[in-house]
Each structure stands twice: as C-alpha cells, then as structure tokens.
Amino acid sequence: MAYETITLAGDVLDVLRSEIGASATGKATEDDFLRVVRGHLRAILRSARGYLDDWNYLDTVNLSDFRRGVQKLLTHVETTLGTSAAQRGKLKKLCESEQ
C-alpha cells in the first residue's frame, strides 16, 4: 500500500509524489512511512495555498481540486493505517472493485 500511496500522490501533483517517495527513506515499516505521510498531508491541507505557492504551482493548479486530491490521499493513508497489515492486500482488491 505504500507504493500505491506514492502513485496516488502523483495523481495529485508531481512534486507531492516526489516528496512522499523521498519520505520513505529510512522508515523501518510501512506504518512508520504512512504516519509521516499523514502528518505531511495534514500540514499541506492547513496551508494548501502556501504549499502550491512554494512550488510555483499557484497559478497553474486549481486550489480546490488540489485540496480535494490531498484529502482523498489522506483518507487513503488513514484507511490503510486503520487496516491490519494482513488485510491490506484485501483492502486494495476491495478498493479496486469499487472503482
């Protein structure tokens, strides 16, 4: 599910994918990685405009769409964290069948 999180981040914004992918370095477990990502996404939601401005995307990315994408990614991360490691593969299959 960590790889899927990185992929989903790329659907939101290319630099977000890069940041989240880089944050995986040195994490002992998937949960450690996901907790860091959750904190980062929450911070972005608190200051989405500033985040986009810092990356020079404010004029090219719709702020509302960006917030929705980050929230959807955060929901994915929180759902994954709330699912036992043994069930995570089953969760992925369930999510794919609902699309």
C-alpha atoms as a PDB file:
ATOM      1  CA  MET A   1       0.000   0.000   0.000  1.00  0.00           C
ATOM      2  CA  ALA A   2       2.992   2.320   0.415  1.00  0.00           C
ATOM      3  CA  TYR A   3       3.701   2.130  -3.304  1.00  0.00           C
ATOM      4  CA  GLU A   4       0.062   2.855  -4.054  1.00  0.00           C
ATOM      5  CA  THR A   5       0.235   5.902  -1.774  1.00  0.00           C
ATOM      6  CA  ILE A   6       3.169   7.252  -3.782  1.00  0.00           C
ATOM      7  CA  THR A   7       1.331   6.572  -7.046  1.00  0.00           C
ATOM      8  CA  LEU A   8      -1.826   8.298  -5.817  1.00  0.00           C
ATOM      9  CA  ALA A   9       0.239  11.301  -4.730  1.00  0.00           C
ATOM     10  CA  GLY A  10       1.427  11.623  -8.322  1.00  0.00           C
ATOM     11  CA  ASP A  11      -2.191  11.895  -9.421  1.00  0.00           C
ATOM     12  CA  VAL A  12      -2.467  14.978  -7.204  1.00  0.00           C
ATOM     13  CA  LEU A  13       0.811  16.731  -8.059  1.00  0.00           C
ATOM     14  CA  ASP A  14       4.162  15.576  -9.379  1.00  0.00           C
ATOM     15  CA  VAL A  15       6.223  17.194  -6.625  1.00  0.00           C
ATOM     16  CA  LEU A  16       3.967  15.674  -3.977  1.00  0.00           C
ATOM     17  CA  ARG A  17       4.794  12.232  -5.344  1.00  0.00           C
ATOM     18  CA  SER A  18       8.495  13.057  -5.156  1.00  0.00           C
ATOM     19  CA  GLU A  19       8.235  14.358  -1.591  1.00  0.00           C
ATOM     20  CA  ILE A  20       6.243  11.381  -0.388  1.00  0.00           C
ATOM     21  CA  GLY A  21       8.505   8.933  -2.160  1.00  0.00           C
ATOM     22  CA  ALA A  22      11.571  10.529  -0.587  1.00  0.00           C
ATOM     23  CA  SER A  23       9.970  10.370   2.857  1.00  0.00           C
ATOM     24  CA  ALA A  24      10.029   6.562   2.668  1.00  0.00           C
ATOM     25  CA  THR A  25      13.799   6.569   3.065  1.00  0.00           C
ATOM     26  CA  GLY A  26      14.886   5.218   6.414  1.00  0.00           C
ATOM     27  CA  LYS A  27      11.455   4.140   7.600  1.00  0.00           C
ATOM     28  CA  ALA A  28      11.525   0.723   9.243  1.00  0.00           C
ATOM     29  CA  THR A  29       7.904  -0.170   8.499  1.00  0.00           C
ATOM     30  CA  GLU A  30       5.092   0.766   6.180  1.00  0.00           C
ATOM     31  CA  ASP A  31       3.213   2.190   9.159  1.00  0.00           C
ATOM     32  CA  ASP A  32       6.154   4.464  10.011  1.00  0.00           C
ATOM     33  CA  PHE A  33       6.126   5.722   6.434  1.00  0.00           C
ATOM     34  CA  LEU A  34       2.353   6.217   6.405  1.00  0.00           C
ATOM     35  CA  ARG A  35       2.402   8.142   9.704  1.00  0.00           C
ATOM     36  CA  VAL A  36       4.972  10.562   8.271  1.00  0.00           C
ATOM     37  CA  VAL A  37       2.895  10.950   5.111  1.00  0.00           C
ATOM     38  CA  ARG A  38      -0.257  11.556   7.155  1.00  0.00           C
ATOM     39  CA  GLY A  39       1.448  14.385   9.041  1.00  0.00           C
ATOM     40  CA  HIS A  40       2.744  15.916   5.829  1.00  0.00           C
ATOM     41  CA  LEU A  41      -0.671  15.788   4.161  1.00  0.00           C
ATOM     42  CA  ARG A  42      -2.347  17.365   7.178  1.00  0.00           C
ATOM     43  CA  ALA A  43       0.201  20.188   7.082  1.00  0.00           C
ATOM     44  CA  ILE A  44      -0.452  20.702   3.377  1.00  0.00           C
ATOM     45  CA  LEU A  45      -4.201  20.898   3.969  1.00  0.00           C
ATOM     46  CA  ARG A  46      -3.639  23.567   6.631  1.00  0.00           C
ATOM     47  CA  SER A  47      -1.754  25.677   4.103  1.00  0.00           C
ATOM     48  CA  ALA A  48      -2.547  24.405   0.621  1.00  0.00           C
ATOM     49  CA  ARG A  49      -2.195  27.831  -0.957  1.00  0.00           C
ATOM     50  CA  GLY A  50       1.241  28.301   0.601  1.00  0.00           C
ATOM     51  CA  TYR A  51       2.319  24.823  -0.469  1.00  0.00           C
ATOM     52  CA  LEU A  52       1.375  25.489  -4.081  1.00  0.00           C
ATOM     53  CA  ASP A  53       2.987  28.925  -3.972  1.00  0.00           C
ATOM     54  CA  ASP A  54       6.231  27.473  -2.579  1.00  0.00           C
ATOM     55  CA  TRP A  55       6.385  25.125  -5.553  1.00  0.00           C
ATOM     56  CA  ASN A  56       5.325  27.819  -8.056  1.00  0.00           C
ATOM     57  CA  TYR A  57       2.097  25.994  -8.881  1.00  0.00           C
ATOM     58  CA  LEU A  58      -0.345  28.546  -7.519  1.00  0.00           C
ATOM     59  CA  ASP A  59      -1.136  29.963 -10.961  1.00  0.00           C
ATOM     60  CA  THR A  60      -1.393  26.591 -12.708  1.00  0.00           C
ATOM     61  CA  VAL A  61      -3.136  24.273 -10.224  1.00  0.00           C
ATOM     62  CA  ASN A  62      -6.734  24.737  -9.119  1.00  0.00           C
ATOM     63  CA  LEU A  63      -6.640  25.139  -5.341  1.00  0.00           C
ATOM     64  CA  SER A  64      -9.981  23.414  -4.725  1.00  0.00           C
ATOM     65  CA  ASP A  65      -9.047  20.441  -6.882  1.00  0.00           C
ATOM     66  CA  PHE A  66      -5.678  20.223  -5.152  1.00  0.00           C
ATOM     67  CA  ARG A  67      -7.281  20.231  -1.694  1.00  0.00           C
ATOM     68  CA  ARG A  68      -9.717  17.504  -2.770  1.00  0.00           C
ATOM     69  CA  GLY A  69      -6.867  15.401  -4.107  1.00  0.00           C
ATOM     70  CA  VAL A  70      -4.824  15.804  -0.923  1.00  0.00           C
ATOM     71  CA  GLN A  71      -7.874  14.964   1.203  1.00  0.00           C
ATOM     72  CA  LYS A  72      -8.538  11.844  -0.866  1.00  0.00           C
ATOM     73  CA  LEU A  73      -4.911  10.807  -0.440  1.00  0.00           C
ATOM     74  CA  LEU A  74      -5.101  11.467   3.307  1.00  0.00           C
ATOM     75  CA  THR A  75      -8.236   9.312   3.515  1.00  0.00           C
ATOM     76  CA  HIS A  76      -6.378   6.520   1.717  1.00  0.00           C
ATOM     77  CA  VAL A  77      -3.464   6.787   4.182  1.00  0.00           C
ATOM     78  CA  GLU A  78      -5.744   6.801   7.235  1.00  0.00           C
ATOM     79  CA  THR A  79      -7.754   3.863   5.907  1.00  0.00           C
ATOM     80  CA  THR A  80      -4.553   1.940   5.297  1.00  0.00           C
ATOM     81  CA  LEU A  81      -3.240   2.713   8.781  1.00  0.00           C
ATOM     82  CA  GLY A  82      -6.540   1.515  10.230  1.00  0.00           C
ATOM     83  CA  THR A  83      -6.259  -1.799   8.392  1.00  0.00           C
ATOM     84  CA  SER A  84      -4.102  -4.603   9.740  1.00  0.00           C
ATOM     85  CA  ALA A  85      -1.061  -5.454   7.656  1.00  0.00           C
ATOM     86  CA  ALA A  86      -2.515  -8.887   6.903  1.00  0.00           C
ATOM     87  CA  GLN A  87      -5.685  -7.322   5.487  1.00  0.00           C
ATOM     88  CA  ARG A  88      -4.067  -4.570   3.397  1.00  0.00           C
ATOM     89  CA  GLY A  89      -3.850  -6.612   0.213  1.00  0.00           C
ATOM     90  CA  LYS A  90      -7.532  -7.462   0.583  1.00  0.00           C
ATOM     91  CA  LEU A  91      -8.316  -3.762   1.114  1.00  0.00           C
ATOM     92  CA  LYS A  92      -6.584  -2.903  -2.155  1.00  0.00           C
ATOM     93  CA  LYS A  93      -8.628  -5.502  -4.044  1.00  0.00           C
ATOM     94  CA  LEU A  94     -11.842  -4.176  -2.472  1.00  0.00           C
ATOM     95  CA  CYS A  95     -10.993  -0.588  -3.418  1.00  0.00           C
ATOM     96  CA  GLU A  96     -10.195  -1.615  -6.983  1.00  0.00           C
ATOM     97  CA  SER A  97     -13.505  -3.464  -7.329  1.00  0.00           C
ATOM     98  CA  GLU A  98     -15.426  -0.358  -6.165  1.00  0.00           C
ATOM     99  CA  GLN A  99     -13.962   1.851  -8.915  1.00  0.00           C
END
